[in-house]
PDB file of all heavy atoms in Angstrom:
ATOM      1  N   ILE A   1      14.761 -10.831  -6.133  1.00  0.00           N
ATOM      2  CA  ILE A   1      13.605 -10.439  -5.353  1.00  0.00           C
ATOM      3  C   ILE A   1      14.009  -9.642  -4.107  1.00  0.00           C
ATOM      4  O   ILE A   1      14.868 -10.051  -3.310  1.00  0.00           O
ATOM      5  CB  ILE A   1      12.781 -11.659  -4.885  1.00  0.00           C
ATOM      6  CG1 ILE A   1      12.217 -12.410  -6.108  1.00  0.00           C
ATOM      7  CG2 ILE A   1      11.729 -11.324  -3.851  1.00  0.00           C
ATOM      8  CD1 ILE A   1      11.474 -13.660  -5.776  1.00  0.00           C
ATOM      9  N   GLU A   2      13.430  -8.486  -3.964  1.00  0.00           N
ATOM     10  CA  GLU A   2      13.799  -7.541  -2.907  1.00  0.00           C
ATOM     11  C   GLU A   2      12.897  -7.611  -1.679  1.00  0.00           C
ATOM     12  O   GLU A   2      13.344  -7.740  -0.565  1.00  0.00           O
ATOM     13  CB  GLU A   2      13.861  -6.087  -3.443  1.00  0.00           C
ATOM     14  CG  GLU A   2      14.291  -5.063  -2.448  1.00  0.00           C
ATOM     15  CD  GLU A   2      14.233  -3.716  -3.089  1.00  0.00           C
ATOM     16  OE1 GLU A   2      13.135  -3.145  -3.290  1.00  0.00           O
ATOM     17  OE2 GLU A   2      15.268  -3.114  -3.402  1.00  0.00           O
ATOM     18  N   LEU A   3      11.652  -7.683  -1.975  1.00  0.00           N
ATOM     19  CA  LEU A   3      10.701  -7.674  -0.904  1.00  0.00           C
ATOM     20  C   LEU A   3       9.590  -8.695  -1.029  1.00  0.00           C
ATOM     21  O   LEU A   3       8.620  -8.793  -0.255  1.00  0.00           O
ATOM     22  CB  LEU A   3      10.021  -6.361  -0.794  1.00  0.00           C
ATOM     23  CG  LEU A   3      10.881  -5.158  -0.297  1.00  0.00           C
ATOM     24  CD1 LEU A   3      10.172  -3.850  -0.351  1.00  0.00           C
ATOM     25  CD2 LEU A   3      11.371  -5.395   1.146  1.00  0.00           C
ATOM     26  N   GLY A   4       9.641  -9.485  -2.118  1.00  0.00           N
ATOM     27  CA  GLY A   4       8.565 -10.535  -2.285  1.00  0.00           C
ATOM     28  C   GLY A   4       7.235  -9.979  -2.569  1.00  0.00           C
ATOM     29  O   GLY A   4       7.119  -8.819  -3.060  1.00  0.00           O
ATOM     30  N   HIS A   5       6.206 -10.726  -2.215  1.00  0.00           N
ATOM     31  CA  HIS A   5       4.805 -10.279  -2.357  1.00  0.00           C
ATOM     32  C   HIS A   5       4.508  -9.467  -1.088  1.00  0.00           C
ATOM     33  O   HIS A   5       4.560 -10.012  -0.007  1.00  0.00           O
ATOM     34  CB  HIS A   5       3.835 -11.425  -2.474  1.00  0.00           C
ATOM     35  CG  HIS A   5       3.727 -11.964  -3.849  1.00  0.00           C
ATOM     36  ND1 HIS A   5       4.683 -12.895  -4.418  1.00  0.00           N
ATOM     37  CD2 HIS A   5       2.789 -11.820  -4.826  1.00  0.00           C
ATOM     38  CE1 HIS A   5       4.318 -13.229  -5.580  1.00  0.00           C
ATOM     39  NE2 HIS A   5       3.173 -12.642  -5.920  1.00  0.00           N
ATOM     40  N   CYS A   6       4.086  -8.160  -1.305  1.00  0.00           N
ATOM     41  CA  CYS A   6       3.796  -7.277  -0.163  1.00  0.00           C
ATOM     42  C   CYS A   6       2.361  -6.704  -0.242  1.00  0.00           C
ATOM     43  O   CYS A   6       1.885  -6.610  -1.408  1.00  0.00           O
ATOM     44  CB  CYS A   6       4.786  -6.132  -0.140  1.00  0.00           C
ATOM     45  SG  CYS A   6       6.555  -6.766  -0.021  1.00  0.00           S
ATOM     46  N   VAL A   7       1.785  -6.460   0.868  1.00  0.00           N
ATOM     47  CA  VAL A   7       0.496  -5.841   0.849  1.00  0.00           C
ATOM     48  C   VAL A   7       0.665  -4.291   0.712  1.00  0.00           C
ATOM     49  O   VAL A   7       1.416  -3.706   1.479  1.00  0.00           O
ATOM     50  CB  VAL A   7      -0.196  -6.155   2.185  1.00  0.00           C
ATOM     51  CG1 VAL A   7      -1.543  -5.432   2.217  1.00  0.00           C
ATOM     52  CG2 VAL A   7      -0.494  -7.630   2.287  1.00  0.00           C
ATOM     53  N   HIS A   8      -0.059  -3.769  -0.184  1.00  0.00           N
ATOM     54  CA  HIS A   8      -0.074  -2.265  -0.375  1.00  0.00           C
ATOM     55  C   HIS A   8      -1.500  -1.796  -0.330  1.00  0.00           C
ATOM     56  O   HIS A   8      -2.456  -2.467  -0.516  1.00  0.00           O
ATOM     57  CB  HIS A   8       0.480  -1.910  -1.745  1.00  0.00           C
ATOM     58  CG  HIS A   8       1.925  -2.141  -1.908  1.00  0.00           C
ATOM     59  ND1 HIS A   8       2.513  -3.380  -1.898  1.00  0.00           N
ATOM     60  CD2 HIS A   8       2.932  -1.233  -2.179  1.00  0.00           C
ATOM     61  CE1 HIS A   8       3.786  -3.246  -2.105  1.00  0.00           C
ATOM     62  NE2 HIS A   8       4.109  -2.023  -2.301  1.00  0.00           N
ATOM     63  N   ILE A   9      -1.718  -0.478  -0.009  1.00  0.00           N
ATOM     64  CA  ILE A   9      -2.980   0.201  -0.204  1.00  0.00           C
ATOM     65  C   ILE A   9      -2.806   1.309  -1.223  1.00  0.00           C
ATOM     66  O   ILE A   9      -1.750   1.885  -1.365  1.00  0.00           O
ATOM     67  CB  ILE A   9      -3.551   0.772   1.160  1.00  0.00           C
ATOM     68  CG1 ILE A   9      -2.569   1.735   1.760  1.00  0.00           C
ATOM     69  CG2 ILE A   9      -3.899  -0.394   2.096  1.00  0.00           C
ATOM     70  CD1 ILE A   9      -3.125   2.404   3.047  1.00  0.00           C
ATOM     71  N   VAL A  10      -3.888   1.514  -1.967  1.00  0.00           N
ATOM     72  CA  VAL A  10      -3.847   2.471  -3.027  1.00  0.00           C
ATOM     73  C   VAL A  10      -5.099   3.266  -2.962  1.00  0.00           C
ATOM     74  O   VAL A  10      -6.225   2.783  -2.821  1.00  0.00           O
ATOM     75  CB  VAL A  10      -3.831   1.750  -4.420  1.00  0.00           C
ATOM     76  CG1 VAL A  10      -3.697   2.745  -5.550  1.00  0.00           C
ATOM     77  CG2 VAL A  10      -2.724   0.729  -4.502  1.00  0.00           C
ATOM     78  N   PRO A  11      -5.008   4.642  -3.149  1.00  0.00           N
ATOM     79  CA  PRO A  11      -6.247   5.477  -3.123  1.00  0.00           C
ATOM     80  C   PRO A  11      -7.182   5.013  -4.263  1.00  0.00           C
ATOM     81  O   PRO A  11      -6.727   4.746  -5.381  1.00  0.00           O
ATOM     82  CB  PRO A  11      -5.646   6.844  -3.404  1.00  0.00           C
ATOM     83  CG  PRO A  11      -4.257   6.842  -3.026  1.00  0.00           C
ATOM     84  CD  PRO A  11      -3.744   5.397  -3.303  1.00  0.00           C
ATOM     85  N   ALA A  12      -8.528   4.928  -3.916  1.00  0.00           N
ATOM     86  CA  ALA A  12      -9.487   4.547  -4.931  1.00  0.00           C
ATOM     87  C   ALA A  12      -9.553   5.526  -6.106  1.00  0.00           C
ATOM     88  O   ALA A  12      -9.894   5.142  -7.202  1.00  0.00           O
ATOM     89  CB  ALA A  12     -10.831   4.439  -4.274  1.00  0.00           C
ATOM     90  N   SER A  13      -9.144   6.746  -5.891  1.00  0.00           N
ATOM     91  CA  SER A  13      -9.099   7.768  -6.974  1.00  0.00           C
ATOM     92  C   SER A  13      -7.814   7.730  -7.818  1.00  0.00           C
ATOM     93  O   SER A  13      -7.707   8.466  -8.742  1.00  0.00           O
ATOM     94  CB  SER A  13      -9.307   9.130  -6.369  1.00  0.00           C
ATOM     95  OG  SER A  13      -8.190   9.418  -5.391  1.00  0.00           O
ATOM     96  N   GLY A  14      -6.942   6.812  -7.385  1.00  0.00           N
ATOM     97  CA  GLY A  14      -5.611   6.708  -8.096  1.00  0.00           C
ATOM     98  C   GLY A  14      -4.502   7.287  -7.321  1.00  0.00           C
ATOM     99  O   GLY A  14      -4.696   8.116  -6.417  1.00  0.00           O
ATOM    100  N   GLY A  15      -3.291   6.969  -7.603  1.00  0.00           N
ATOM    101  CA  GLY A  15      -2.123   7.492  -6.950  1.00  0.00           C
ATOM    102  C   GLY A  15      -1.154   6.411  -6.631  1.00  0.00           C
ATOM    103  O   GLY A  15      -1.308   5.319  -7.071  1.00  0.00           O
ATOM    104  N   GLU A  16      -0.118   6.804  -5.895  1.00  0.00           N
ATOM    105  CA  GLU A  16       0.983   5.873  -5.596  1.00  0.00           C
ATOM    106  C   GLU A  16       0.520   4.905  -4.448  1.00  0.00           C
ATOM    107  O   GLU A  16      -0.030   5.362  -3.534  1.00  0.00           O
ATOM    108  CB  GLU A  16       2.244   6.651  -5.181  1.00  0.00           C
ATOM    109  CG  GLU A  16       2.928   7.348  -6.271  1.00  0.00           C
ATOM    110  CD  GLU A  16       3.436   6.448  -7.303  1.00  0.00           C
ATOM    111  OE1 GLU A  16       4.008   5.424  -6.920  1.00  0.00           O
ATOM    112  OE2 GLU A  16       3.286   6.734  -8.470  1.00  0.00           O
ATOM    113  N   PRO A  17       0.874   3.593  -4.614  1.00  0.00           N
ATOM    114  CA  PRO A  17       0.637   2.691  -3.540  1.00  0.00           C
ATOM    115  C   PRO A  17       1.513   2.905  -2.322  1.00  0.00           C
ATOM    116  O   PRO A  17       2.591   3.406  -2.542  1.00  0.00           O
ATOM    117  CB  PRO A  17       0.858   1.302  -4.246  1.00  0.00           C
ATOM    118  CG  PRO A  17       1.807   1.602  -5.299  1.00  0.00           C
ATOM    119  CD  PRO A  17       1.516   2.948  -5.857  1.00  0.00           C
ATOM    120  N   ARG A  18       0.955   2.561  -1.181  1.00  0.00           N
ATOM    121  CA  ARG A  18       1.766   2.612   0.065  1.00  0.00           C
ATOM    122  C   ARG A  18       1.947   1.231   0.587  1.00  0.00           C
ATOM    123  O   ARG A  18       0.982   0.577   0.786  1.00  0.00           O
ATOM    124  CB  ARG A  18       1.108   3.571   1.099  1.00  0.00           C
ATOM    125  CG  ARG A  18       1.897   3.677   2.399  1.00  0.00           C
ATOM    126  CD  ARG A  18       1.413   4.860   3.289  1.00  0.00           C
ATOM    127  NE  ARG A  18       0.068   4.688   3.718  1.00  0.00           N
ATOM    128  CZ  ARG A  18      -0.305   4.076   4.812  1.00  0.00           C
ATOM    129  NH1 ARG A  18       0.600   3.505   5.583  1.00  0.00           N
ATOM    130  NH2 ARG A  18      -1.587   4.012   5.193  1.00  0.00           N
ATOM    131  N   ARG A  19       3.200   0.823   0.827  1.00  0.00           N
ATOM    132  CA  ARG A  19       3.462  -0.539   1.256  1.00  0.00           C
ATOM    133  C   ARG A  19       3.254  -0.688   2.807  1.00  0.00           C
ATOM    134  O   ARG A  19       3.704   0.177   3.560  1.00  0.00           O
ATOM    135  CB  ARG A  19       4.948  -0.881   0.846  1.00  0.00           C
ATOM    136  CG  ARG A  19       5.319  -2.314   1.226  1.00  0.00           C
ATOM    137  CD  ARG A  19       6.619  -2.730   0.674  1.00  0.00           C
ATOM    138  NE  ARG A  19       7.721  -1.840   1.127  1.00  0.00           N
ATOM    139  CZ  ARG A  19       8.406  -1.940   2.218  1.00  0.00           C
ATOM    140  NH1 ARG A  19       8.033  -2.939   3.055  1.00  0.00           N
ATOM    141  NH2 ARG A  19       9.339  -1.162   2.509  1.00  0.00           N
ATOM    142  N   LEU A  20       2.561  -1.763   3.146  1.00  0.00           N
ATOM    143  CA  LEU A  20       2.305  -2.034   4.526  1.00  0.00           C
ATOM    144  C   LEU A  20       3.126  -3.243   5.115  1.00  0.00           C
ATOM    145  O   LEU A  20       3.364  -3.315   6.350  1.00  0.00           O
ATOM    146  CB  LEU A  20       0.832  -2.377   4.763  1.00  0.00           C
ATOM    147  CG  LEU A  20      -0.194  -1.308   4.437  1.00  0.00           C
ATOM    148  CD1 LEU A  20      -1.604  -1.817   4.809  1.00  0.00           C
ATOM    149  CD2 LEU A  20       0.088  -0.046   5.237  1.00  0.00           C
ATOM    150  N   THR A  21       3.608  -4.121   4.255  1.00  0.00           N
ATOM    151  CA  THR A  21       4.411  -5.250   4.731  1.00  0.00           C
ATOM    152  C   THR A  21       5.676  -5.362   3.897  1.00  0.00           C
ATOM    153  O   THR A  21       5.762  -4.805   2.806  1.00  0.00           O
ATOM    154  CB  THR A  21       3.625  -6.600   4.554  1.00  0.00           C
ATOM    155  OG1 THR A  21       3.324  -6.862   3.191  1.00  0.00           O
ATOM    156  CG2 THR A  21       2.330  -6.550   5.334  1.00  0.00           C
ATOM    157  N   GLY A  22       6.645  -6.091   4.412  1.00  0.00           N
ATOM    158  CA  GLY A  22       7.869  -6.210   3.691  1.00  0.00           C
ATOM    159  C   GLY A  22       8.469  -7.591   3.939  1.00  0.00           C
ATOM    160  O   GLY A  22       7.826  -8.484   4.550  1.00  0.00           O
ATOM    161  N   GLY A  23       9.715  -7.779   3.432  1.00  0.00           N
ATOM    162  CA  GLY A  23      10.326  -9.151   3.584  1.00  0.00           C
ATOM    163  C   GLY A  23      10.128  -9.961   2.331  1.00  0.00           C
ATOM    164  O   GLY A  23       9.414  -9.572   1.437  1.00  0.00           O
ATOM    165  N   VAL A  24      10.702 -11.140   2.324  1.00  0.00           N
ATOM    166  CA  VAL A  24      10.648 -12.018   1.045  1.00  0.00           C
ATOM    167  C   VAL A  24       9.533 -13.003   1.257  1.00  0.00           C
ATOM    168  O   VAL A  24       9.516 -14.032   0.522  1.00  0.00           O
ATOM    169  CB  VAL A  24      11.973 -12.748   0.846  1.00  0.00           C
ATOM    170  CG1 VAL A  24      13.044 -11.776   0.463  1.00  0.00           C
ATOM    171  CG2 VAL A  24      12.376 -13.511   2.054  1.00  0.00           C
ATOM    172  N   ASP A  25       8.592 -12.775   2.084  1.00  0.00           N
ATOM    173  CA  ASP A  25       7.493 -13.604   2.263  1.00  0.00           C
ATOM    174  C   ASP A  25       6.401 -13.372   1.207  1.00  0.00           C
ATOM    175  O   ASP A  25       6.420 -12.475   0.426  1.00  0.00           O
ATOM    176  CB  ASP A  25       6.786 -13.385   3.670  1.00  0.00           C
ATOM    177  CG  ASP A  25       7.860 -13.506   4.796  1.00  0.00           C
ATOM    178  OD1 ASP A  25       8.305 -14.631   5.093  1.00  0.00           O
ATOM    179  OD2 ASP A  25       8.219 -12.507   5.385  1.00  0.00           O
ATOM    180  N   ARG A  26       5.454 -14.342   1.175  1.00  0.00           N
ATOM    181  CA  ARG A  26       4.328 -14.202   0.247  1.00  0.00           C
ATOM    182  C   ARG A  26       3.113 -13.783   0.969  1.00  0.00           C
ATOM    183  O   ARG A  26       2.447 -14.602   1.657  1.00  0.00           O
ATOM    184  CB  ARG A  26       4.144 -15.586  -0.459  1.00  0.00           C
ATOM    185  CG  ARG A  26       3.025 -15.581  -1.506  1.00  0.00           C
ATOM    186  CD  ARG A  26       2.896 -16.934  -2.126  1.00  0.00           C
ATOM    187  NE  ARG A  26       1.676 -16.956  -2.965  1.00  0.00           N
ATOM    188  CZ  ARG A  26       1.634 -16.586  -4.215  1.00  0.00           C
ATOM    189  NH1 ARG A  26       2.662 -16.034  -4.848  1.00  0.00           N
ATOM    190  NH2 ARG A  26       0.492 -16.683  -4.946  1.00  0.00           N
ATOM    191  N   ASP A  27       2.804 -12.536   0.864  1.00  0.00           N
ATOM    192  CA  ASP A  27       1.540 -11.955   1.486  1.00  0.00           C
ATOM    193  C   ASP A  27       0.520 -11.774   0.395  1.00  0.00           C
ATOM    194  O   ASP A  27       0.808 -11.169  -0.664  1.00  0.00           O
ATOM    195  CB  ASP A  27       1.855 -10.548   2.065  1.00  0.00           C
ATOM    196  CG  ASP A  27       2.931 -10.583   3.121  1.00  0.00           C
ATOM    197  OD1 ASP A  27       3.096 -11.646   3.772  1.00  0.00           O
ATOM    198  OD2 ASP A  27       3.659  -9.516   3.354  1.00  0.00           O
ATOM    199  N   HIS A  28      -0.716 -12.211   0.589  1.00  0.00           N
ATOM    200  CA  HIS A  28      -1.760 -12.196  -0.455  1.00  0.00           C
ATOM    201  C   HIS A  28      -3.116 -12.228   0.129  1.00  0.00           C
ATOM    202  O   HIS A  28      -3.354 -12.413   1.304  1.00  0.00           O
ATOM    203  CB  HIS A  28      -1.464 -13.344  -1.435  1.00  0.00           C
ATOM    204  CG  HIS A  28      -1.371 -14.689  -0.804  1.00  0.00           C
ATOM    205  ND1 HIS A  28      -0.282 -15.102  -0.129  1.00  0.00           N
ATOM    206  CD2 HIS A  28      -2.209 -15.729  -0.789  1.00  0.00           C
ATOM    207  CE1 HIS A  28      -0.459 -16.293   0.296  1.00  0.00           C
ATOM    208  NE2 HIS A  28      -1.558 -16.691  -0.098  1.00  0.00           N
ATOM    209  N   THR A  29      -4.085 -12.173  -0.721  1.00  0.00           N
ATOM    210  CA  THR A  29      -5.571 -12.085  -0.403  1.00  0.00           C
ATOM    211  C   THR A  29      -5.874 -11.161   0.724  1.00  0.00           C
ATOM    212  O   THR A  29      -6.520 -11.552   1.755  1.00  0.00           O
ATOM    213  CB  THR A  29      -6.117 -13.570  -0.215  1.00  0.00           C
ATOM    214  OG1 THR A  29      -5.437 -14.105   0.994  1.00  0.00           O
ATOM    215  CG2 THR A  29      -5.898 -14.416  -1.421  1.00  0.00           C
ATOM    216  N   PRO A  30      -5.597  -9.907   0.619  1.00  0.00           N
ATOM    217  CA  PRO A  30      -5.930  -8.948   1.760  1.00  0.00           C
ATOM    218  C   PRO A  30      -7.367  -8.579   1.755  1.00  0.00           C
ATOM    219  O   PRO A  30      -8.040  -8.522   0.718  1.00  0.00           O
ATOM    220  CB  PRO A  30      -4.988  -7.772   1.387  1.00  0.00           C
ATOM    221  CG  PRO A  30      -4.853  -7.766  -0.114  1.00  0.00           C
ATOM    222  CD  PRO A  30      -4.825  -9.187  -0.483  1.00  0.00           C
ATOM    223  N   THR A  31      -7.858  -8.193   2.910  1.00  0.00           N
ATOM    224  CA  THR A  31      -9.143  -7.662   3.065  1.00  0.00           C
ATOM    225  C   THR A  31      -9.217  -6.677   4.269  1.00  0.00           C
ATOM    226  O   THR A  31      -8.348  -6.738   5.169  1.00  0.00           O
ATOM    227  CB  THR A  31     -10.171  -8.822   3.368  1.00  0.00           C
ATOM    228  OG1 THR A  31     -11.538  -8.317   3.327  1.00  0.00           O
ATOM    229  CG2 THR A  31      -9.980  -9.456   4.696  1.00  0.00           C
ATOM    230  N   TRP A  32     -10.126  -5.741   4.177  1.00  0.00           N
ATOM    231  CA  TRP A  32     -10.247  -4.660   5.226  1.00  0.00           C
ATOM    232  C   TRP A  32     -10.895  -5.190   6.498  1.00  0.00           C
ATOM    233  O   TRP A  32     -11.870  -5.982   6.420  1.00  0.00           O
ATOM    234  CB  TRP A  32     -11.024  -3.477   4.725  1.00  0.00           C
ATOM    235  CG  TRP A  32     -10.260  -2.724   3.656  1.00  0.00           C
ATOM    236  CD1 TRP A  32     -10.384  -2.881   2.256  1.00  0.00           C
ATOM    237  CD2 TRP A  32      -9.387  -1.573   3.828  1.00  0.00           C
ATOM    238  NE1 TRP A  32      -9.551  -2.046   1.601  1.00  0.00           N
ATOM    239  CE2 TRP A  32      -8.980  -1.179   2.563  1.00  0.00           C
ATOM    240  CE3 TRP A  32      -8.899  -0.922   4.971  1.00  0.00           C
ATOM    241  CZ2 TRP A  32      -8.096  -0.099   2.357  1.00  0.00           C
ATOM    242  CZ3 TRP A  32      -8.050   0.118   4.754  1.00  0.00           C
ATOM    243  CH2 TRP A  32      -7.646   0.522   3.491  1.00  0.00           C
ATOM    244  N   SER A  33     -10.474  -4.650   7.631  1.00  0.00           N
ATOM    245  CA  SER A  33     -11.226  -4.787   8.857  1.00  0.00           C
ATOM    246  C   SER A  33     -12.456  -3.917   8.746  1.00  0.00           C
ATOM    247  O   SER A  33     -12.495  -3.034   8.020  1.00  0.00           O
ATOM    248  CB  SER A  33     -10.417  -4.480  10.096  1.00  0.00           C
ATOM    249  OG  SER A  33     -10.052  -3.070  10.042  1.00  0.00           O
ATOM    250  N   GLN A  34     -13.455  -4.208   9.623  1.00  0.00           N
ATOM    251  CA  GLN A  34     -14.700  -3.416   9.545  1.00  0.00           C
ATOM    252  C   GLN A  34     -14.513  -1.962   9.924  1.00  0.00           C
ATOM    253  O   GLN A  34     -15.288  -1.074   9.395  1.00  0.00           O
ATOM    254  CB  GLN A  34     -15.782  -4.044  10.463  1.00  0.00           C
ATOM    255  CG  GLN A  34     -16.251  -5.430   9.985  1.00  0.00           C
ATOM    256  CD  GLN A  34     -16.841  -5.286   8.599  1.00  0.00           C
ATOM    257  OE1 GLN A  34     -17.631  -4.517   8.246  1.00  0.00           O
ATOM    258  NE2 GLN A  34     -16.371  -6.263   7.677  1.00  0.00           N
ATOM    259  N   ASP A  35     -13.587  -1.681  10.837  1.00  0.00           N
ATOM    260  CA  ASP A  35     -13.346  -0.217  11.149  1.00  0.00           C
ATOM    261  C   ASP A  35     -12.353   0.443  10.221  1.00  0.00           C
ATOM    262  O   ASP A  35     -12.052   1.645  10.412  1.00  0.00           O
ATOM    263  CB  ASP A  35     -12.817  -0.189  12.599  1.00  0.00           C
ATOM    264  CG  ASP A  35     -11.541  -0.974  12.823  1.00  0.00           C
ATOM    265  OD1 ASP A  35     -10.937  -1.396  11.848  1.00  0.00           O
ATOM    266  OD2 ASP A  35     -11.148  -1.025  14.056  1.00  0.00           O
ATOM    267  N   GLY A  36     -11.863  -0.319   9.230  1.00  0.00           N
ATOM    268  CA  GLY A  36     -10.879   0.315   8.263  1.00  0.00           C
ATOM    269  C   GLY A  36      -9.518   0.668   8.833  1.00  0.00           C
ATOM    270  O   GLY A  36      -8.718   1.272   8.205  1.00  0.00           O
ATOM    271  N   GLN A  37      -9.188   0.116  10.039  1.00  0.00           N
ATOM    272  CA  GLN A  37      -7.915   0.429  10.628  1.00  0.00           C
ATOM    273  C   GLN A  37      -6.827  -0.592  10.451  1.00  0.00           C
ATOM    274  O   GLN A  37      -5.725  -0.343  10.715  1.00  0.00           O
ATOM    275  CB  GLN A  37      -8.175   0.610  12.170  1.00  0.00           C
ATOM    276  CG  GLN A  37      -9.174   1.726  12.516  1.00  0.00           C
ATOM    277  CD  GLN A  37      -8.739   3.049  12.006  1.00  0.00           C
ATOM    278  OE1 GLN A  37      -7.574   3.514  12.267  1.00  0.00           O
ATOM    279  NE2 GLN A  37      -9.559   3.715  11.191  1.00  0.00           N
ATOM    280  N   SER A  38      -7.208  -1.676   9.859  1.00  0.00           N
ATOM    281  CA  SER A  38      -6.221  -2.777   9.676  1.00  0.00           C
ATOM    282  C   SER A  38      -6.600  -3.616   8.407  1.00  0.00           C
ATOM    283  O   SER A  38      -7.699  -3.582   7.949  1.00  0.00           O
ATOM    284  CB  SER A  38      -6.030  -3.619  10.896  1.00  0.00           C
ATOM    285  OG  SER A  38      -7.283  -4.316  11.197  1.00  0.00           O
ATOM    286  N   ILE A  39      -5.611  -4.396   7.972  1.00  0.00           N
ATOM    287  CA  ILE A  39      -5.805  -5.290   6.859  1.00  0.00           C
ATOM    288  C   ILE A  39      -5.500  -6.746   7.311  1.00  0.00           C
ATOM    289  O   ILE A  39      -4.501  -6.996   7.925  1.00  0.00           O
ATOM    290  CB  ILE A  39      -4.792  -4.913   5.693  1.00  0.00           C
ATOM    291  CG1 ILE A  39      -5.090  -3.491   5.151  1.00  0.00           C
ATOM    292  CG2 ILE A  39      -4.947  -5.894   4.515  1.00  0.00           C
ATOM    293  CD1 ILE A  39      -6.399  -3.277   4.502  1.00  0.00           C
TER     294      ILE A  39
END
């Protein structure tokens, strides 16, 4: 395991995911803030 479970965002139209978190932690059940500026 290199980075564990990480939060990514992916374009709705498709494309490569972009990683937002790292480490060997378990990050899960993400949701958007109302202004779309954070997860």
